Amino acid sequence: MGKKTEINIDINVTKIVKYACAAGIVIVAVVFAEKAFKEFVKSPCCTNKCTN
């Protein structure tokens, strides 16, 4: 007499896709924010304020 073992695994693809898209959006936002900040620091208005 063997024991019956049953495992149910539910994979919620919608949740996985939602969080993957959110992570992608956050990564892209961080990259663009970093580039914009670097350009702002190099800009004349920032260098004039920092040196005066």
PDB file of N, CA and C in Angstrom:
ATOM      1  N   MET A   1       0.842  -1.181   0.000  1.00  0.00           N
ATOM      2  CA  MET A   1       0.000   0.000   0.000  1.00  0.00           C
ATOM      3  C   MET A   1       0.886   1.243   0.000  1.00  0.00           C
ATOM      4  N   GLY A   2       0.813   1.944  -1.099  1.00  0.00           N
ATOM      5  CA  GLY A   2       1.601   3.166  -1.217  1.00  0.00           C
ATOM      6  C   GLY A   2       0.758   4.388  -0.863  1.00  0.00           C
ATOM      7  N   LYS A   3       1.463   5.418  -0.462  1.00  0.00           N
ATOM      8  CA  LYS A   3       0.774   6.660  -0.145  1.00  0.00           C
ATOM      9  C   LYS A   3       0.620   7.476  -1.426  1.00  0.00           C
ATOM     10  N   LYS A   4      -0.479   8.173  -1.543  1.00  0.00           N
ATOM     11  CA  LYS A   4      -0.725   9.016  -2.706  1.00  0.00           C
ATOM     12  C   LYS A   4      -0.231  10.433  -2.386  1.00  0.00           C
ATOM     13  N   THR A   5       0.672  10.928  -3.211  1.00  0.00           N
ATOM     14  CA  THR A   5       1.213  12.270  -3.029  1.00  0.00           C
ATOM     15  C   THR A   5       0.763  13.125  -4.198  1.00  0.00           C
ATOM     16  N   GLU A   6       0.265  14.303  -3.869  1.00  0.00           N
ATOM     17  CA  GLU A   6      -0.212  15.199  -4.915  1.00  0.00           C
ATOM     18  C   GLU A   6       0.323  16.602  -4.640  1.00  0.00           C
ATOM     19  N   ILE A   7       0.854  17.222  -5.674  1.00  0.00           N
ATOM     20  CA  ILE A   7       1.374  18.578  -5.564  1.00  0.00           C
ATOM     21  C   ILE A   7       0.705  19.417  -6.638  1.00  0.00           C
ATOM     22  N   ASN A   8       0.155  20.544  -6.230  1.00  0.00           N
ATOM     23  CA  ASN A   8      -0.437  21.490  -7.172  1.00  0.00           C
ATOM     24  C   ASN A   8       0.425  22.744  -7.202  1.00  0.00           C
ATOM     25  N   ILE A   9       0.852  23.116  -8.387  1.00  0.00           N
ATOM     26  CA  ILE A   9       1.646  24.324  -8.555  1.00  0.00           C
ATOM     27  C   ILE A   9       0.885  25.258  -9.478  1.00  0.00           C
ATOM     28  N   ASP A  10       0.608  26.467  -8.981  1.00  0.00           N
ATOM     29  CA  ASP A  10      -0.071  27.471  -9.784  1.00  0.00           C
ATOM     30  C   ASP A  10       0.939  28.537 -10.183  1.00  0.00           C
ATOM     31  N   ILE A  11       1.035  28.781 -11.476  1.00  0.00           N
ATOM     32  CA  ILE A  11       1.930  29.811 -11.985  1.00  0.00           C
ATOM     33  C   ILE A  11       1.066  30.926 -12.553  1.00  0.00           C
ATOM     34  N   ASN A  12       1.172  32.099 -11.947  1.00  0.00           N
ATOM     35  CA  ASN A  12       0.385  33.237 -12.360  1.00  0.00           C
ATOM     36  C   ASN A  12       1.231  34.067 -13.341  1.00  0.00           C
ATOM     37  N   VAL A  13       1.049  33.816 -14.631  1.00  0.00           N
ATOM     38  CA  VAL A  13       1.849  34.475 -15.660  1.00  0.00           C
ATOM     39  C   VAL A  13       1.562  35.968 -15.687  1.00  0.00           C
ATOM     40  N   THR A  14       0.337  36.354 -15.446  1.00  0.00           N
ATOM     41  CA  THR A  14      -0.025  37.770 -15.465  1.00  0.00           C
ATOM     42  C   THR A  14       0.776  38.545 -14.436  1.00  0.00           C
ATOM     43  N   LYS A  15       0.923  38.004 -13.250  1.00  0.00           N
ATOM     44  CA  LYS A  15       1.684  38.670 -12.193  1.00  0.00           C
ATOM     45  C   LYS A  15       3.161  38.767 -12.560  1.00  0.00           C
ATOM     46  N   ILE A  16       3.701  37.699 -13.142  1.00  0.00           N
ATOM     47  CA  ILE A  16       5.113  37.689 -13.534  1.00  0.00           C
ATOM     48  C   ILE A  16       5.368  38.760 -14.586  1.00  0.00           C
ATOM     49  N   VAL A  17       4.501  38.835 -15.585  1.00  0.00           N
ATOM     50  CA  VAL A  17       4.669  39.821 -16.653  1.00  0.00           C
ATOM     51  C   VAL A  17       4.519  41.237 -16.100  1.00  0.00           C
ATOM     52  N   LYS A  18       3.557  41.430 -15.204  1.00  0.00           N
ATOM     53  CA  LYS A  18       3.332  42.755 -14.621  1.00  0.00           C
ATOM     54  C   LYS A  18       4.568  43.238 -13.873  1.00  0.00           C
ATOM     55  N   TYR A  19       5.152  42.389 -13.052  1.00  0.00           N
ATOM     56  CA  TYR A  19       6.322  42.799 -12.276  1.00  0.00           C
ATOM     57  C   TYR A  19       7.568  42.929 -13.154  1.00  0.00           C
ATOM     58  N   ALA A  20       7.685  42.125 -14.197  1.00  0.00           N
ATOM     59  CA  ALA A  20       8.813  42.249 -15.114  1.00  0.00           C
ATOM     60  C   ALA A  20       8.739  43.586 -15.856  1.00  0.00           C
ATOM     61  N   CYS A  21       7.545  43.982 -16.278  1.00  0.00           N
ATOM     62  CA  CYS A  21       7.378  45.271 -16.953  1.00  0.00           C
ATOM     63  C   CYS A  21       7.660  46.426 -15.999  1.00  0.00           C
ATOM     64  N   ALA A  22       7.191  46.317 -14.781  1.00  0.00           N
ATOM     65  CA  ALA A  22       7.442  47.375 -13.798  1.00  0.00           C
ATOM     66  C   ALA A  22       8.935  47.512 -13.524  1.00  0.00           C
ATOM     67  N   ALA A  23       9.633  46.389 -13.423  1.00  0.00           N
ATOM     68  CA  ALA A  23      11.081  46.435 -13.190  1.00  0.00           C
ATOM     69  C   ALA A  23      11.793  47.067 -14.380  1.00  0.00           C
ATOM     70  N   GLY A  24      11.363  46.743 -15.583  1.00  0.00           N
ATOM     71  CA  GLY A  24      11.957  47.345 -16.779  1.00  0.00           C
ATOM     72  C   GLY A  24      11.754  48.845 -16.825  1.00  0.00           C
ATOM     73  N   ILE A  25      10.562  49.287 -16.471  1.00  0.00           N
ATOM     74  CA  ILE A  25      10.269  50.725 -16.460  1.00  0.00           C
ATOM     75  C   ILE A  25      11.138  51.444 -15.440  1.00  0.00           C
ATOM     76  N   VAL A  26      11.306  50.852 -14.278  1.00  0.00           N
ATOM     77  CA  VAL A  26      12.146  51.468 -13.242  1.00  0.00           C
ATOM     78  C   VAL A  26      13.599  51.546 -13.697  1.00  0.00           C
ATOM     79  N   ILE A  27      14.098  50.501 -14.339  1.00  0.00           N
ATOM     80  CA  ILE A  27      15.489  50.495 -14.813  1.00  0.00           C
ATOM     81  C   ILE A  27      15.695  51.576 -15.871  1.00  0.00           C
ATOM     82  N   VAL A  28      14.768  51.680 -16.813  1.00  0.00           N
ATOM     83  CA  VAL A  28      14.881  52.700 -17.858  1.00  0.00           C
ATOM     84  C   VAL A  28      14.804  54.101 -17.247  1.00  0.00           C
ATOM     85  N   ALA A  29      13.933  54.304 -16.273  1.00  0.00           N
ATOM     86  CA  ALA A  29      13.818  55.605 -15.624  1.00  0.00           C
ATOM     87  C   ALA A  29      15.112  55.984 -14.904  1.00  0.00           C
ATOM     88  N   VAL A  30      15.734  55.038 -14.256  1.00  0.00           N
ATOM     89  CA  VAL A  30      16.988  55.315 -13.548  1.00  0.00           C
ATOM     90  C   VAL A  30      18.089  55.680 -14.538  1.00  0.00           C
ATOM     91  N   VAL A  31      18.166  54.960 -15.647  1.00  0.00           N
ATOM     92  CA  VAL A  31      19.199  55.248 -16.648  1.00  0.00           C
ATOM     93  C   VAL A  31      19.010  56.643 -17.234  1.00  0.00           C
ATOM     94  N   PHE A  32      17.768  56.994 -17.611  1.00  0.00           N
ATOM     95  CA  PHE A  32      17.524  58.317 -18.178  1.00  0.00           C
ATOM     96  C   PHE A  32      17.732  59.422 -17.143  1.00  0.00           C
ATOM     97  N   ALA A  33      17.380  59.184 -15.910  1.00  0.00           N
ATOM     98  CA  ALA A  33      17.590  60.186 -14.864  1.00  0.00           C
ATOM     99  C   ALA A  33      19.086  60.422 -14.643  1.00  0.00           C
ATOM    100  N   GLU A  34      19.859  59.362 -14.678  1.00  0.00           N
ATOM    101  CA  GLU A  34      21.306  59.509 -14.508  1.00  0.00           C
ATOM    102  C   GLU A  34      21.904  60.312 -15.655  1.00  0.00           C
ATOM    103  N   LYS A  35      21.488  60.014 -16.892  1.00  0.00           N
ATOM    104  CA  LYS A  35      22.003  60.769 -18.042  1.00  0.00           C
ATOM    105  C   LYS A  35      21.584  62.236 -17.969  1.00  0.00           C
ATOM    106  N   ALA A  36      20.350  62.484 -17.590  1.00  0.00           N
ATOM    107  CA  ALA A  36      19.876  63.867 -17.491  1.00  0.00           C
ATOM    108  C   ALA A  36      20.638  64.622 -16.408  1.00  0.00           C
ATOM    109  N   PHE A  37      20.911  63.982 -15.286  1.00  0.00           N
ATOM    110  CA  PHE A  37      21.648  64.637 -14.209  1.00  0.00           C
ATOM    111  C   PHE A  37      23.076  64.952 -14.642  1.00  0.00           C
ATOM    112  N   LYS A  38      23.713  64.017 -15.358  1.00  0.00           N
ATOM    113  CA  LYS A  38      25.068  64.275 -15.843  1.00  0.00           C
ATOM    114  C   LYS A  38      25.092  65.460 -16.802  1.00  0.00           C
ATOM    115  N   GLU A  39      24.104  65.528 -17.689  1.00  0.00           N
ATOM    116  CA  GLU A  39      24.032  66.652 -18.621  1.00  0.00           C
ATOM    117  C   GLU A  39      23.758  67.969 -17.880  1.00  0.00           C
ATOM    118  N   PHE A  40      22.938  67.916 -16.850  1.00  0.00           N
ATOM    119  CA  PHE A  40      22.658  69.119 -16.061  1.00  0.00           C
ATOM    120  C   PHE A  40      23.912  69.613 -15.360  1.00  0.00           C
ATOM    121  N   VAL A  41      24.701  68.705 -14.814  1.00  0.00           N
ATOM    122  CA  VAL A  41      25.925  69.100 -14.109  1.00  0.00           C
ATOM    123  C   VAL A  41      26.925  69.705 -15.087  1.00  0.00           C
ATOM    124  N   LYS A  42      26.947  69.206 -16.331  1.00  0.00           N
ATOM    125  CA  LYS A  42      27.863  69.740 -17.338  1.00  0.00           C
ATOM    126  C   LYS A  42      27.368  71.044 -17.950  1.00  0.00           C
ATOM    127  N   SER A  43      26.109  71.377 -17.764  1.00  0.00           N
ATOM    128  CA  SER A  43      25.525  72.554 -18.408  1.00  0.00           C
ATOM    129  C   SER A  43      26.107  73.845 -17.832  1.00  0.00           C
ATOM    130  N   PRO A  44      26.082  74.921 -18.631  1.00  0.00           N
ATOM    131  CA  PRO A  44      26.674  76.195 -18.175  1.00  0.00           C
ATOM    132  C   PRO A  44      25.963  76.775 -16.950  1.00  0.00           C
ATOM    133  N   CYS A  45      24.658  76.618 -16.848  1.00  0.00           N
ATOM    134  CA  CYS A  45      23.971  77.224 -15.691  1.00  0.00           C
ATOM    135  C   CYS A  45      24.413  76.572 -14.388  1.00  0.00           C
ATOM    136  N   CYS A  46      24.689  75.294 -14.414  1.00  0.00           N
ATOM    137  CA  CYS A  46      25.135  74.620 -13.181  1.00  0.00           C
ATOM    138  C   CYS A  46      26.598  74.958 -12.884  1.00  0.00           C
ATOM    139  N   THR A  47      27.438  75.014 -13.899  1.00  0.00           N
ATOM    140  CA  THR A  47      28.846  75.307 -13.647  1.00  0.00           C
ATOM    141  C   THR A  47      29.025  76.741 -13.183  1.00  0.00           C
ATOM    142  N   ASN A  48      28.202  77.666 -13.688  1.00  0.00           N
ATOM    143  CA  ASN A  48      28.288  79.062 -13.224  1.00  0.00           C
ATOM    144  C   ASN A  48      27.886  79.182 -11.766  1.00  0.00           C
ATOM    145  N   LYS A  49      26.835  78.464 -11.374  1.00  0.00           N
ATOM    146  CA  LYS A  49      26.392  78.517  -9.983  1.00  0.00           C
ATOM    147  C   LYS A  49      27.386  77.862  -9.061  1.00  0.00           C
ATOM    148  N   CYS A  50      28.002  76.801  -9.514  1.00  0.00           N
ATOM    149  CA  CYS A  50      28.935  76.063  -8.656  1.00  0.00           C
ATOM    150  C   CYS A  50      30.260  76.802  -8.481  1.00  0.00           C
ATOM    151  N   THR A  51      30.667  77.572  -9.482  1.00  0.00           N
ATOM    152  CA  THR A  51      31.959  78.254  -9.383  1.00  0.00           C
ATOM    153  C   THR A  51      31.855  79.635  -8.769  1.00  0.00           C
ATOM    154  N   ASN A  52      30.668  80.217  -8.771  1.00  0.00           N
ATOM    155  CA  ASN A  52      30.511  81.566  -8.198  1.00  0.00           C
ATOM    156  C   ASN A  52      30.201  81.512  -6.726  1.00  0.00           C
TER     157      ASN A  52
END
